[in-house]
Protein backbone atom coordinates (compact mmCIF):
# COMPACT_ATOMS: atom_id res chain seq x y z
CA UNK A 1 59.85 -23.41 96.36
CA UNK A 2 56.66 -24.67 94.73
CA UNK A 3 57.10 -22.39 91.73
CA UNK A 4 56.39 -25.10 89.14
CA UNK A 5 52.67 -24.30 89.12
CA UNK A 6 53.12 -20.64 88.11
CA UNK A 7 51.73 -19.98 84.63
CA UNK A 8 50.43 -17.00 82.70
CA UNK A 9 46.99 -17.87 84.06
CA UNK A 10 48.45 -17.49 87.57
CA UNK A 11 49.87 -14.08 86.61
CA UNK A 12 46.42 -12.94 85.50
CA UNK A 13 44.74 -14.42 88.57
CA UNK A 14 47.12 -12.52 90.88
CA UNK A 15 47.18 -9.33 88.81
CA UNK A 16 43.43 -9.01 88.52
CA UNK A 17 43.22 -8.82 92.33
CA UNK A 18 45.16 -5.54 92.28
CA UNK A 19 43.05 -2.35 92.44
CA UNK A 20 41.59 -1.18 89.11
CA UNK A 21 43.55 -3.71 87.01
CA UNK A 22 41.79 -5.03 83.95
CA UNK A 23 42.69 -7.51 81.25
CA UNK A 24 43.14 -5.75 77.91
CA UNK A 25 45.35 -6.35 74.84
CA UNK A 26 48.72 -4.60 74.61
CA UNK A 27 50.22 -4.62 71.08
CA UNK A 28 48.05 -7.68 70.49
CA UNK A 29 49.32 -9.56 73.56
CA UNK A 30 47.25 -10.66 76.53
CA UNK A 31 47.92 -8.02 79.18
CA UNK A 32 47.01 -6.54 82.52
CA UNK A 33 46.52 -2.78 82.56
CA UNK A 34 45.93 -0.10 85.16
CA UNK A 35 44.06 2.88 83.71
CA UNK A 36 45.40 1.99 80.26
CA UNK A 37 49.01 1.53 81.43
CA UNK A 38 50.58 -1.91 80.98
CA UNK A 39 51.34 -3.70 84.26
CA UNK A 40 52.18 -7.15 82.83
CA UNK A 41 51.84 -8.92 79.51
CA UNK A 42 52.72 -11.97 77.51
CA UNK A 43 56.02 -11.29 75.74
CA UNK A 44 55.71 -11.14 71.97
CA UNK A 45 59.36 -10.68 71.08
CA UNK A 46 61.21 -13.92 70.35
CA UNK A 47 64.13 -12.83 72.54
CA UNK A 48 62.06 -13.67 75.64
CA UNK A 49 62.41 -17.16 77.05
CA UNK A 50 59.43 -19.51 76.92
CA UNK A 51 57.22 -19.28 80.04
CA UNK A 52 58.14 -15.67 80.83
CA UNK A 53 56.10 -12.56 81.53
CA UNK A 54 56.93 -8.90 80.89
CA UNK A 55 56.23 -6.49 83.74
CA UNK A 56 56.41 -2.71 83.96
CA UNK A 57 59.31 -1.61 86.13
CA UNK A 58 61.47 1.47 86.62
CA UNK A 59 64.95 1.06 85.17
CA UNK A 60 66.49 1.57 88.62
CA UNK A 61 64.36 -1.05 90.36
CA UNK A 62 64.84 -3.42 87.41
CA UNK A 63 68.61 -3.18 87.75
CA UNK A 64 68.43 -3.91 91.49
CA UNK A 65 66.11 -6.90 91.07
CA UNK A 66 68.16 -8.44 88.26
CA UNK A 67 71.34 -8.00 90.30
CA UNK A 68 69.71 -9.59 93.35
CA UNK A 69 68.01 -12.50 91.52
CA UNK A 70 69.43 -13.02 88.00
CA UNK A 71 68.00 -16.53 87.76
CA UNK A 72 64.50 -15.11 88.29
CA UNK A 73 64.54 -11.70 86.59
CA UNK A 74 66.20 -10.87 83.28
CA UNK A 75 66.21 -8.50 80.32
CA UNK A 76 66.96 -8.88 76.62
CA UNK A 77 68.22 -6.28 74.15
CA UNK A 78 64.68 -5.82 72.82
CA UNK A 79 63.22 -4.92 76.23
CA UNK A 80 66.27 -3.06 77.64
CA UNK A 81 65.33 0.44 76.41
CA UNK A 82 61.85 0.20 77.93
CA UNK A 83 60.80 0.42 81.60
CA UNK A 84 60.10 -3.32 81.69
CA UNK A 85 61.72 -6.57 82.73
CA UNK A 86 61.09 -10.26 82.20
CA UNK A 87 60.35 -12.90 84.82
CA UNK A 88 61.02 -16.62 84.44
CA UNK A 89 57.72 -18.09 85.65
CA UNK A 90 59.32 -21.49 86.25
CA UNK A 91 61.56 -19.91 88.92
CA UNK A 92 59.17 -17.60 90.80
CA UNK A 93 57.11 -18.41 93.88
CA UNK A 94 53.52 -17.22 94.19
CA UNK A 95 54.50 -14.85 97.01
CA UNK A 96 57.34 -13.33 94.95
CA UNK A 97 55.03 -13.02 91.94
CA UNK A 98 52.54 -11.12 94.10
CA UNK A 99 55.30 -8.77 95.35
CA UNK A 100 56.66 -8.18 91.85
CA UNK A 101 53.23 -7.51 90.33
CA UNK A 102 52.59 -5.03 93.16
CA UNK A 103 55.83 -3.25 92.22
CA UNK A 104 54.69 -3.21 88.57
CA UNK A 105 51.31 -1.83 89.68
CA UNK A 106 53.03 0.88 91.73
CA UNK A 107 55.15 1.84 88.72
CA UNK A 108 52.17 1.90 86.34
CA UNK A 109 50.28 4.07 88.84
CA UNK A 110 53.19 6.50 89.24
CA UNK A 111 53.76 9.67 87.28
CA UNK A 112 56.89 8.06 85.74
CA UNK A 113 54.93 5.03 84.60
CA UNK A 114 52.32 7.17 82.86
CA UNK A 115 54.84 9.46 81.22
CA UNK A 116 57.13 6.69 80.05
CA UNK A 117 54.36 4.44 78.77
CA UNK A 118 52.55 7.20 76.91
CA UNK A 119 55.87 8.38 75.51
CA UNK A 120 56.40 5.09 73.70
CA UNK A 121 52.93 4.91 72.21
CA UNK A 122 54.28 5.40 68.70
CA UNK A 123 55.03 2.05 67.15
CA UNK A 124 57.76 1.73 64.55
């Protein structure tokens, strides 16, 4: 599949090609944002596997993607309550990464993405 070369740098390279996406910190992590909404970021929680990325995603689409490709997409208890999911970068192809980041962009651009992200702005 040629996925071995996918790294966080690749995620940023692909993500920065999406309209209006900028690199900006998110809770101190390296992240991609669309108008202030997180699209993708480096996971900070230790529950995430090494060489993973967190992406914004509706809970419904997340469930469908994890069911379809559980070796590629996953979730941990820490991320489960949030409209996000994790991707194993060692398993994803460049084309699939591009598709998934586009889905994350669509979600961040949507009314749901804005409402949900701004609703969790308070940090405990």
